[in-house]
Protein backbone atom coordinates (compact mmCIF):
# COMPACT_ATOMS: atom_id res chain seq x y z
CA MET A 1 20.74 -120.89 254.90
CA THR A 2 18.96 -123.63 256.84
CA ALA A 3 15.21 -124.09 256.97
CA GLN A 4 15.32 -123.32 260.69
CA ALA A 5 16.98 -119.96 260.01
CA LEU A 6 14.43 -119.17 257.34
CA GLU A 7 11.56 -119.84 259.72
CA GLN A 8 12.80 -117.07 261.98
CA ARG A 9 12.86 -114.39 259.30
CA ASP A 10 10.18 -111.79 258.73
CA TYR A 11 9.29 -110.65 255.22
CA ALA A 12 8.08 -107.42 253.68
CA VAL A 13 5.37 -107.71 251.03
CA VAL A 14 6.13 -105.93 247.75
CA ILE A 15 3.38 -105.56 245.14
CA GLY A 16 3.14 -103.82 241.79
CA LEU A 17 0.04 -103.70 239.60
CA GLU A 18 -0.71 -103.78 235.89
CA VAL A 19 -4.27 -102.52 235.49
CA HIS A 20 -5.98 -103.04 232.13
CA VAL A 21 -8.77 -100.51 231.60
CA GLN A 22 -11.24 -100.79 228.74
CA LEU A 23 -11.74 -97.32 227.27
CA GLU A 24 -15.20 -96.04 226.45
CA THR A 25 -15.14 -95.53 222.69
CA ALA A 26 -17.84 -96.29 220.14
CA THR A 27 -15.55 -98.45 218.01
CA LYS A 28 -12.50 -100.62 218.51
CA ILE A 29 -9.00 -99.16 218.62
CA PHE A 30 -7.86 -100.12 215.10
CA CYS A 31 -11.09 -100.78 213.18
CA GLY A 32 -14.71 -99.68 212.88
CA CYS A 33 -16.29 -102.61 214.74
CA SER A 34 -18.59 -101.57 217.57
CA THR A 35 -17.46 -101.93 221.18
CA GLU A 36 -21.05 -102.05 222.44
CA PRO A 37 -22.35 -105.62 222.83
CA GLU A 38 -25.80 -106.19 221.43
CA GLU A 39 -28.43 -108.01 223.46
CA ASP A 40 -28.02 -111.77 223.08
CA GLU A 41 -25.31 -111.29 220.47
CA GLU A 42 -23.71 -114.37 218.97
CA PRO A 43 -19.98 -115.03 219.55
CA ASN A 44 -17.56 -113.95 216.83
CA THR A 45 -20.03 -111.66 215.05
CA ARG A 46 -18.72 -108.23 216.08
CA THR A 47 -15.55 -108.71 214.07
CA CYS A 48 -13.86 -107.73 210.79
CA PRO A 49 -10.63 -108.60 208.92
CA VAL A 50 -8.67 -106.04 210.99
CA CYS A 51 -9.55 -107.27 214.48
CA LEU A 52 -9.33 -110.89 213.29
CA GLY A 53 -5.84 -110.26 211.94
CA LEU A 54 -6.56 -111.47 208.42
CA PRO A 55 -3.78 -111.07 205.83
CA GLY A 56 -3.65 -107.65 204.18
CA ALA A 57 -5.90 -105.91 206.74
CA LEU A 58 -4.40 -102.62 207.98
CA PRO A 59 -5.06 -100.95 211.33
CA VAL A 60 -6.29 -97.34 211.59
CA LEU A 61 -5.89 -95.71 215.01
CA ASN A 62 -9.01 -94.54 216.88
CA GLU A 63 -8.55 -90.84 217.79
CA GLY A 64 -11.01 -91.14 220.67
CA ALA A 65 -8.81 -93.76 222.34
CA VAL A 66 -5.80 -91.44 222.15
CA GLU A 67 -7.82 -88.57 223.62
CA ALA A 68 -8.96 -90.80 226.49
CA ALA A 69 -5.35 -91.82 227.14
CA VAL A 70 -4.27 -88.18 227.36
CA LYS A 71 -7.12 -87.45 229.79
CA ILE A 72 -5.96 -90.30 232.01
CA GLY A 73 -2.38 -89.04 231.84
CA LYS A 74 -3.53 -85.57 232.82
CA ALA A 75 -5.60 -86.87 235.75
CA LEU A 76 -2.59 -88.88 236.99
CA ASP A 77 -0.31 -85.86 236.56
CA ALA A 78 1.80 -87.95 234.19
CA ASP A 79 4.10 -86.83 231.40
CA VAL A 80 2.68 -87.21 227.90
CA ALA A 81 5.46 -88.24 225.55
CA GLU A 82 6.53 -85.92 222.75
CA ASP A 83 6.88 -88.95 220.51
CA THR A 84 4.98 -92.19 221.11
CA ARG A 85 4.63 -95.24 218.91
CA PHE A 86 3.22 -98.74 218.70
CA HIS A 87 4.95 -102.11 218.70
CA ARG A 88 4.10 -105.74 218.10
CA LYS A 89 4.26 -107.96 221.18
CA ASN A 90 4.67 -111.49 219.86
CA TYR A 91 3.21 -114.44 221.71
CA TYR A 92 0.77 -117.23 221.00
CA TYR A 93 -2.48 -117.58 222.90
CA PRO A 94 -5.85 -118.75 221.53
CA ASP A 95 -7.62 -115.42 222.21
CA LEU A 96 -5.01 -113.46 220.20
CA PRO A 97 -6.04 -113.92 216.55
CA LYS A 98 -2.92 -112.30 215.01
CA ASN A 99 -0.46 -114.15 217.31
CA PHE A 100 0.81 -110.72 218.28
CA GLN A 101 -0.68 -107.79 220.15
CA ILE A 102 -0.39 -104.19 219.01
CA THR A 103 0.80 -102.32 222.10
CA GLN A 104 3.45 -99.80 223.17
CA TYR A 105 6.90 -100.77 224.36
CA ASP A 106 9.69 -98.27 225.01
CA ALA A 107 7.68 -95.14 224.10
CA PRO A 108 4.41 -95.24 226.09
CA ILE A 109 2.00 -92.37 225.69
CA CYS A 110 2.13 -91.54 229.45
CA ALA A 111 4.79 -92.03 232.14
CA ASP A 112 5.82 -90.89 235.63
CA GLY A 113 2.41 -90.20 237.16
CA THR A 114 1.02 -90.44 240.69
CA LEU A 115 -2.22 -91.24 242.47
CA GLU A 116 -2.75 -90.46 246.14
CA VAL A 117 -4.73 -92.93 248.23
CA SER A 118 -5.80 -93.09 251.86
CA VAL A 119 -5.19 -96.35 253.72
CA GLU A 120 -6.40 -96.50 257.34
CA GLY A 121 -6.16 -92.73 257.63
CA GLU A 122 -2.67 -92.49 256.15
CA ARG A 123 -2.20 -90.68 252.84
CA ARG A 124 0.12 -92.49 250.45
CA GLU A 125 1.32 -91.57 246.99
CA ILE A 126 1.46 -94.45 244.51
CA THR A 127 3.73 -93.80 241.55
CA ILE A 128 2.67 -94.75 238.03
CA ARG A 129 5.59 -95.98 236.00
CA ARG A 130 3.80 -95.91 232.65
CA ALA A 131 0.39 -95.99 231.02
CA HIS A 132 0.12 -97.14 227.43
CA LEU A 133 -2.45 -97.96 224.77
CA GLU A 134 -3.01 -101.43 223.39
CA GLU A 135 -5.69 -103.70 221.96
CA ASP A 136 -7.69 -106.17 224.03
CA PRO A 137 -7.51 -109.87 223.11
CA GLY A 138 -10.65 -111.94 222.73
CA SER A 139 -12.22 -113.81 225.63
CA LEU A 140 -12.04 -117.47 226.64
CA GLN A 141 -14.92 -119.46 228.08
CA HIS A 142 -13.81 -122.55 229.99
CA LYS A 143 -16.50 -125.22 229.93
CA GLY A 144 -16.89 -127.87 232.59
CA GLY A 145 -14.34 -126.41 235.00
CA SER A 146 -11.74 -123.71 235.54
CA ILE A 147 -8.69 -122.96 233.42
CA ASP A 148 -6.81 -126.03 234.66
CA SER A 149 -9.73 -128.47 234.74
CA ALA A 150 -12.12 -127.49 231.92
CA GLU A 151 -13.28 -130.15 229.47
CA TYR A 152 -12.79 -127.68 226.63
CA THR A 153 -12.45 -123.93 225.99
CA LEU A 154 -14.35 -121.69 223.57
CA VAL A 155 -12.94 -118.50 222.06
CA ASN A 156 -15.01 -115.37 221.39
CA TYR A 157 -13.34 -112.60 219.36
CA ASN A 158 -16.08 -110.00 219.81
CA ARG A 159 -13.92 -108.25 222.43
CA ALA A 160 -10.73 -108.47 220.38
CA GLY A 161 -9.52 -105.00 219.45
CA THR A 162 -11.36 -103.09 222.19
CA PRO A 163 -9.07 -100.21 223.25
CA LEU A 164 -7.18 -100.75 226.48
CA MET A 165 -5.12 -98.46 228.66
CA GLU A 166 -2.61 -100.46 230.67
CA ILE A 167 -1.60 -98.58 233.83
CA VAL A 168 1.58 -99.94 235.42
CA THR A 169 2.54 -98.93 238.95
CA ASN A 170 5.89 -99.13 240.66
CA PRO A 171 6.15 -101.80 243.38
CA ASP A 172 4.83 -99.34 245.97
CA PHE A 173 2.21 -101.49 247.71
CA ARG A 174 3.00 -103.18 251.01
CA SER A 175 -0.26 -105.06 251.59
CA PRO A 176 -3.19 -106.51 249.63
CA LYS A 177 -5.50 -104.01 251.36
CA GLU A 178 -3.54 -101.10 249.84
CA THR A 179 -4.05 -102.50 246.33
CA ARG A 180 -7.80 -102.69 246.87
CA ARG A 181 -7.92 -99.06 248.01
CA PHE A 182 -5.83 -97.97 245.03
CA LEU A 183 -8.08 -99.78 242.55
CA SER A 184 -11.16 -98.20 244.10
CA LYS A 185 -9.61 -94.74 243.86
CA LEU A 186 -8.41 -95.32 240.29
CA GLU A 187 -11.88 -96.43 239.23
CA GLU A 188 -13.36 -93.27 240.78
CA VAL A 189 -11.00 -91.10 238.72
CA LEU A 190 -11.65 -93.01 235.48
CA GLU A 191 -15.41 -92.77 235.96
CA TYR A 192 -15.19 -89.00 236.54
CA LEU A 193 -13.19 -88.65 233.31
CA GLY A 194 -15.97 -90.38 231.37
CA VAL A 195 -13.52 -92.81 229.73
CA PHE A 196 -14.60 -95.96 231.57
CA ASP A 197 -17.78 -97.92 232.30
CA ALA A 198 -17.46 -100.16 235.36
CA SER A 199 -20.68 -102.01 234.49
CA ARG A 200 -19.13 -103.56 231.38
CA ASP A 201 -18.01 -107.16 231.73
CA GLY A 202 -14.21 -107.26 231.88
CA SER A 203 -13.90 -103.47 231.90
CA LEU A 204 -11.11 -103.56 234.49
CA ARG A 205 -8.70 -106.47 234.82
CA ILE A 206 -5.68 -106.69 237.05
CA ASP A 207 -2.35 -108.50 236.87
CA ALA A 208 -0.38 -108.28 240.13
CA ASN A 209 3.32 -108.86 240.65
CA ILE A 210 4.22 -109.91 244.18
CA SER A 211 7.42 -110.85 245.97
CA LEU A 212 8.55 -111.19 249.58
CA VAL A 213 11.72 -109.43 250.68
CA PRO A 214 13.44 -110.18 254.02
CA GLU A 215 12.77 -107.39 256.51
CA ASP A 216 16.54 -107.20 257.13
CA ASP A 217 16.92 -105.86 253.56
CA VAL A 218 14.43 -103.02 254.05
CA ASP A 219 15.95 -99.61 254.75
CA ASP A 220 15.03 -97.73 257.92
CA ASP A 221 12.80 -95.33 255.93
CA GLY A 222 10.84 -98.24 254.47
CA THR A 223 12.38 -98.20 251.00
CA ILE A 224 13.58 -101.44 249.45
CA PRO A 225 16.84 -101.41 247.46
CA GLU A 226 16.71 -102.55 243.84
CA SER A 227 19.20 -105.29 244.66
CA ALA A 228 16.78 -106.77 247.21
CA LEU A 229 13.92 -106.63 244.73
CA GLU A 230 15.98 -108.33 242.06
CA ALA A 231 17.04 -111.08 244.47
CA ALA A 232 13.45 -111.91 245.40
CA ASN A 233 11.67 -114.07 242.85
CA ARG A 234 8.55 -112.38 241.57
CA THR A 235 5.24 -114.12 240.94
CA GLU A 236 2.66 -112.66 238.58
CA VAL A 237 -1.01 -113.34 239.34
CA LYS A 238 -3.24 -112.85 236.30
CA ASN A 239 -6.92 -112.64 235.45
CA ILE A 240 -8.14 -110.74 238.51
CA SER A 241 -11.38 -108.93 237.70
CA SER A 242 -12.36 -106.96 240.82
CA HIS A 243 -11.04 -104.90 243.74
CA LYS A 244 -12.13 -107.58 246.19
CA GLY A 245 -10.61 -110.28 244.00
CA ALA A 246 -7.28 -108.47 243.96
CA GLU A 247 -7.15 -108.30 247.75
CA GLN A 248 -8.15 -111.96 248.09
CA ALA A 249 -5.74 -113.22 245.43
CA LEU A 250 -2.80 -111.31 246.89
CA ALA A 251 -3.62 -112.33 250.47
CA TYR A 252 -3.63 -115.96 249.32
CA GLU A 253 -0.35 -115.49 247.46
CA VAL A 254 1.34 -113.83 250.47
CA THR A 255 0.41 -116.84 252.60
CA ARG A 256 1.51 -119.32 249.94
CA GLN A 257 4.90 -117.70 249.48
CA LYS A 258 5.52 -117.29 253.22
CA ASN A 259 4.68 -120.96 253.78
CA ALA A 260 7.13 -121.96 251.05
CA LEU A 261 9.95 -119.84 252.47
CA GLN A 262 9.33 -121.05 256.01
CA ARG A 263 9.72 -124.61 254.74
CA GLY A 264 13.01 -123.77 253.08
CA ARG A 265 11.62 -123.88 249.55
CA ALA A 266 12.34 -121.35 246.84
CA VAL A 267 9.54 -119.22 245.41
CA GLU A 268 9.39 -119.91 241.69
CA GLN A 269 9.31 -117.02 239.27
CA GLU A 270 6.13 -117.88 237.44
CA THR A 271 2.74 -116.71 236.18
CA ARG A 272 -0.24 -117.91 238.19
CA HIS A 273 -3.97 -117.80 237.51
CA TRP A 274 -6.44 -116.56 240.15
CA ASP A 275 -9.25 -119.11 240.44
CA GLU A 276 -11.92 -116.98 242.13
CA GLY A 277 -14.31 -119.89 242.59
CA ARG A 278 -11.83 -121.89 244.66
CA GLY A 279 -10.04 -118.91 246.15
CA VAL A 280 -6.57 -120.13 245.10
CA THR A 281 -3.87 -119.26 242.59
CA VAL A 282 -2.87 -121.94 240.09
CA SER A 283 0.45 -122.19 238.25
CA MET A 284 0.08 -121.41 234.53
CA ARG A 285 3.60 -121.16 233.15
CA SER A 286 7.09 -119.93 233.93
CA LYS A 287 7.30 -116.14 234.00
CA GLU A 288 8.17 -114.62 230.63
CA GLU A 289 10.87 -112.02 230.28
CA GLU A 290 10.83 -108.99 228.00
CA LYS A 291 13.05 -110.69 225.43
CA ASP A 292 10.53 -113.52 225.07
CA TYR A 293 8.03 -111.20 223.41
CA ARG A 294 10.38 -110.10 220.59
CA TYR A 295 9.04 -106.55 220.44
CA PHE A 296 9.46 -104.66 217.18
CA ARG A 297 7.84 -101.53 215.78
CA GLU A 298 4.39 -101.71 214.22
CA ALA A 299 5.17 -100.63 210.67
CA ASP A 300 1.51 -100.00 209.77
CA LEU A 301 1.02 -97.23 212.38
CA PRO A 302 3.01 -93.98 212.29
CA PRO A 303 4.45 -92.37 215.46
CA LEU A 304 2.19 -89.99 217.40
CA GLN A 305 2.95 -86.43 218.46
CA VAL A 306 0.13 -85.52 220.86
CA ALA A 307 1.95 -84.04 223.88
CA HIS A 308 0.30 -80.65 223.22
CA TRP A 309 -3.13 -82.27 223.73
CA LYS A 310 -2.50 -82.30 227.49
CA ALA A 311 -2.83 -78.51 227.59
CA GLU A 312 -5.69 -78.42 225.08
CA ILE A 313 -7.92 -81.18 226.49
CA SER A 314 -9.94 -80.31 229.58
CA ILE A 315 -10.88 -82.75 232.31
CA PRO A 316 -13.61 -82.38 234.95
CA GLU A 317 -13.08 -81.65 238.62
CA LEU A 318 -11.70 -84.90 240.06
CA PRO A 319 -13.00 -86.74 243.16
CA ASP A 320 -10.48 -85.41 245.71
CA ALA A 321 -10.93 -81.80 244.63
CA ARG A 322 -14.71 -82.13 244.58
CA ARG A 323 -14.69 -83.79 248.01
CA GLU A 324 -12.75 -80.88 249.49
CA ARG A 325 -15.00 -78.32 247.79
CA PHE A 326 -18.13 -80.02 249.17
CA ARG A 327 -16.70 -79.71 252.68
CA GLU A 328 -15.84 -76.04 252.22
CA GLU A 329 -18.82 -74.89 250.13
CA TYR A 330 -21.60 -76.94 251.72
CA GLY A 331 -20.17 -77.49 255.21
CA LEU A 332 -20.38 -81.29 254.93
CA ASP A 333 -18.50 -83.65 257.21
CA ALA A 334 -15.80 -85.90 255.75
CA GLU A 335 -18.02 -89.01 255.66
CA SER A 336 -20.90 -87.31 253.82
CA ALA A 337 -18.53 -85.61 251.37
CA SER A 338 -16.90 -88.96 250.63
CA LYS A 339 -20.22 -90.72 250.00
CA LEU A 340 -21.48 -87.93 247.77
CA THR A 341 -18.38 -87.81 245.57
CA SER A 342 -17.72 -91.53 245.15
CA ARG A 343 -19.55 -91.40 241.81
CA LYS A 344 -19.78 -88.42 239.49
CA ALA A 345 -23.50 -89.04 238.88
CA VAL A 346 -24.16 -88.94 242.64
CA ALA A 347 -22.12 -85.74 243.07
CA ASP A 348 -23.94 -84.07 240.17
CA PHE A 349 -27.33 -85.04 241.60
CA TYR A 350 -26.40 -83.78 245.06
CA GLU A 351 -25.35 -80.40 243.68
CA ASP A 352 -28.63 -80.15 241.79
CA VAL A 353 -30.61 -80.89 244.99
CA ALA A 354 -28.40 -78.59 247.12
CA SER A 355 -29.11 -75.74 244.71
CA GLN A 356 -32.83 -76.03 245.61
CA PHE A 357 -32.78 -77.05 249.29
CA ASP A 358 -30.64 -76.72 252.39
CA PRO A 359 -27.29 -78.50 251.75
CA ASP A 360 -27.60 -80.60 254.94
CA LEU A 361 -31.13 -81.68 254.00
CA ALA A 362 -29.91 -82.52 250.50
CA ALA A 363 -27.00 -84.53 251.92
CA THR A 364 -29.30 -86.51 254.22
CA TRP A 365 -31.65 -87.39 251.38
CA VAL A 366 -29.02 -88.24 248.77
CA ALA A 367 -26.22 -89.77 250.86
CA ASP A 368 -28.27 -91.53 253.53
CA ASN A 369 -31.80 -92.12 252.24
CA LEU A 370 -31.43 -92.63 248.50
CA LEU A 371 -27.99 -94.28 248.43
CA GLY A 372 -28.88 -96.39 251.47
CA GLU A 373 -32.02 -97.75 249.82
CA LEU A 374 -30.18 -98.32 246.53
CA ASN A 375 -27.38 -100.22 248.26
CA TYR A 376 -29.92 -102.37 250.10
CA ARG A 377 -31.38 -103.39 246.74
CA ASP A 378 -27.96 -103.92 245.16
CA MET A 379 -28.68 -100.99 242.84
CA THR A 380 -26.68 -97.90 241.90
CA VAL A 381 -27.65 -94.39 240.90
CA ASP A 382 -27.24 -95.53 237.28
CA ASP A 383 -30.39 -97.62 237.70
CA VAL A 384 -32.50 -94.52 238.47
CA THR A 385 -30.73 -91.84 236.42
CA GLY A 386 -33.86 -91.06 234.39
CA ARG A 387 -35.97 -90.63 237.53
CA LEU A 388 -33.85 -88.24 239.60
CA ASP A 389 -36.40 -85.46 239.10
CA GLU A 390 -38.96 -87.68 240.90
CA PHE A 391 -36.69 -87.96 243.92
CA THR A 392 -36.19 -84.19 243.90
CA ARG A 393 -39.98 -83.82 243.87
CA LEU A 394 -40.25 -86.10 246.92
CA ILE A 395 -37.79 -83.91 248.84
CA GLU A 396 -39.82 -80.88 247.78
CA LEU A 397 -43.04 -82.44 249.13
CA VAL A 398 -41.32 -83.04 252.47
CA ALA A 399 -39.90 -79.50 252.59
CA GLU A 400 -43.36 -78.06 251.85
CA GLY A 401 -44.95 -80.13 254.61
CA GLU A 402 -47.15 -82.09 252.20
CA ILE A 403 -45.90 -85.40 253.63
CA THR A 404 -44.03 -86.34 256.78
CA THR A 405 -40.37 -87.25 256.65
CA LYS A 406 -41.14 -90.67 258.15
CA ASN A 407 -43.69 -91.55 255.48
CA ALA A 408 -41.48 -90.18 252.75
CA GLU A 409 -38.51 -92.27 253.87
CA GLU A 410 -40.21 -95.47 254.94
CA THR A 411 -43.05 -95.73 252.44
CA VAL A 412 -42.83 -93.44 249.43
CA LEU A 413 -39.10 -93.75 248.66
CA ARG A 414 -39.13 -97.50 249.05
CA GLN A 415 -42.19 -97.94 246.84
CA MET A 416 -40.68 -95.63 244.24
CA LEU A 417 -37.74 -98.03 243.99
CA ASP A 418 -39.73 -101.24 244.29
CA GLU A 419 -42.83 -100.36 242.24
CA GLY A 420 -41.48 -97.66 239.93
CA ASP A 421 -44.28 -95.18 240.68
CA ASP A 422 -43.88 -91.43 241.10
CA PRO A 423 -44.26 -89.91 244.61
CA GLU A 424 -47.70 -88.31 244.06
CA THR A 425 -49.17 -91.62 242.86
CA ILE A 426 -47.90 -93.41 245.96
CA ILE A 427 -49.08 -90.66 248.32
CA ASP A 428 -52.58 -90.73 246.85
CA ARG A 429 -52.77 -94.53 246.83
CA GLU A 430 -51.56 -94.89 250.42
CA GLY A 431 -53.46 -91.88 251.77
CA LEU A 432 -50.28 -90.27 253.05
CA GLY A 433 -51.16 -86.64 252.37
CA LYS A 434 -50.66 -84.17 255.20
CA ALA A 435 -53.47 -84.30 257.80
CA ASP A 436 -55.45 -81.06 258.11
CA ASP A 437 -55.41 -79.07 261.34
CA ASP A 438 -58.87 -80.22 262.45
CA GLU A 439 -57.96 -83.88 262.03
CA VAL A 440 -54.76 -83.43 264.06
CA SER A 441 -56.57 -81.49 266.80
CA GLN A 442 -59.21 -84.18 267.06
CA ALA A 443 -56.52 -86.87 267.26
CA VAL A 444 -54.77 -84.94 270.05
CA GLU A 445 -57.98 -84.69 272.06
CA ALA A 446 -58.71 -88.38 271.54
CA ALA A 447 -55.20 -89.44 272.59
CA ILE A 448 -55.46 -87.41 275.82
CA GLU A 449 -58.93 -88.72 276.61
CA GLU A 450 -58.06 -92.37 275.95
CA ASN A 451 -54.78 -92.41 277.88
CA PRO A 452 -55.30 -90.85 281.32
CA ASP A 453 -52.37 -92.78 282.83
CA ALA A 454 -49.97 -91.24 280.28
CA VAL A 455 -51.39 -87.79 281.04
CA GLU A 456 -50.82 -88.37 284.74
CA ASP A 457 -47.25 -89.56 284.06
CA TYR A 458 -46.58 -86.46 281.97
CA HIS A 459 -47.68 -84.17 284.82
CA ALA A 460 -45.46 -86.23 287.14
CA GLY A 461 -42.46 -85.31 284.98
CA GLU A 462 -41.92 -88.58 283.11
CA GLY A 463 -40.54 -87.58 279.70
CA GLY A 464 -41.48 -90.83 277.96
CA ALA A 465 -45.18 -90.11 278.49
CA LEU A 466 -45.21 -87.31 275.94
CA ASN A 467 -43.50 -89.50 273.35
CA PHE A 468 -46.14 -92.16 273.94
CA LEU A 469 -48.93 -89.65 273.36
CA VAL A 470 -47.25 -88.34 270.19
CA GLY A 471 -47.15 -91.94 268.94
CA GLN A 472 -50.85 -92.36 269.63
CA VAL A 473 -51.67 -89.22 267.61
CA MET A 474 -49.43 -90.36 264.75
CA GLN A 475 -51.19 -93.71 264.75
CA LYS A 476 -54.62 -92.08 264.62
CA THR A 477 -53.59 -89.88 261.70
CA GLY A 478 -51.93 -92.71 259.79
CA GLY A 479 -48.54 -91.04 260.19
CA SER A 480 -49.66 -88.04 258.16
CA ALA A 481 -49.30 -85.50 260.96
CA ASP A 482 -46.08 -83.62 261.57
CA PRO A 483 -44.51 -85.06 264.76
CA GLY A 484 -43.06 -81.70 265.76
CA ALA A 485 -46.42 -79.98 265.42
CA VAL A 486 -48.13 -82.79 267.36
CA ASN A 487 -45.56 -82.43 270.14
CA GLY A 488 -46.31 -78.71 270.38
CA LEU A 489 -50.09 -79.19 270.37
CA LEU A 490 -49.90 -81.81 273.13
CA ARG A 491 -47.73 -79.57 275.32
CA ASP A 492 -50.09 -76.63 274.84
CA ARG A 493 -53.10 -78.77 275.70
CA LEU A 494 -51.52 -80.52 278.72
CA ASP A 495 -49.85 -77.42 280.16
CA GLY A 496 -52.85 -75.15 279.59
């Protein structure tokens, strides 16, 4: 086919993901080394003969990692295998101390799952081909440049042996934006399960496989035949560490591949590195095939029979179910329900507040006020987990009329986050306590006396005049009067 003919062709984007999730366990998957980094820890100190792959060291499987894997399988509605086992995946890379990785090959612990995502209002079901357990390699630190330009590279084995769950999707994605939405939804589910900590460095890493298929080869219902997928060379993009990074890397790769095809060049089947700093993918090596890894069974670990755990292990209410319940039980709109269930800690806090106050009031304070102020400061609810009772107390003070909503939102809440003080301390320091009736009455009289033009405008039917007078009273009381009560007092006085 000529280059001119190629230029006229349209292409469908086909993407599949391999998502590597660090599991939250106290120790590594095959040894007793801690998974929790110590403050200012030295490289290569959280290690032992097992995770360093020294001769004669034998692995012992971490039961907590297996339990976490079953929970993930259950949340993804996947099958848990009756018989699952480990293999050795043989390849050389500096961060792999044994020169092989203990992983699972043809008998993964979970397979055939699904995760539903919403993309631009359309619900789509992404199929999970498999999800298997493996050990994390160490980490590389490129000094003086990126992977292809560094002066030298350091290796740190403290991470080596951390338990990973690799979740492999089918090639169901048709745009980079869809992958970002899927990763966000997957992270929500993992966080609800309590098996994942997004704040950990490298806790979620993504490899993406992408190819372009001529639109002519796509069936009318949108499916792509296996023959078309096999004919299109597939590029793997590695070392993506964020949702945003995945969308950016894949958008770049779509453009790169389209440009190559439009110029009549073949897309090479290769592995590429995502250089986030430069916003480009860089060729690393030709794409390996399964046979290159020379898989064989790990003789030091027996097969597992844990399929019955799926029925025995309980998992919490997941984000979608909780979102729907919030709409039905609390009467929340879709946007508020979505905000309040994006994190389990937020949803738990909202339910605690809603049990004490009106659900709509609770939603306004948690979803709009607290989360809005946290986002502005680049903070999350995790940063204030130990102080949630203070925020509940602030809502209580507003509900009891001890402080105005305006002062609570604009002064007390912000100082609680910026200064770390409790609400009562801030109220006392700033003199924000509720004004007594005499003080408000005196302020009303003074506002009327000092603003005869506004009084005349009010009697002439100009609605803005009353708002002006309310503002004058609020100013005189330092914002400590209730605006609704002031409005009523002014009307009574002016209409009397």
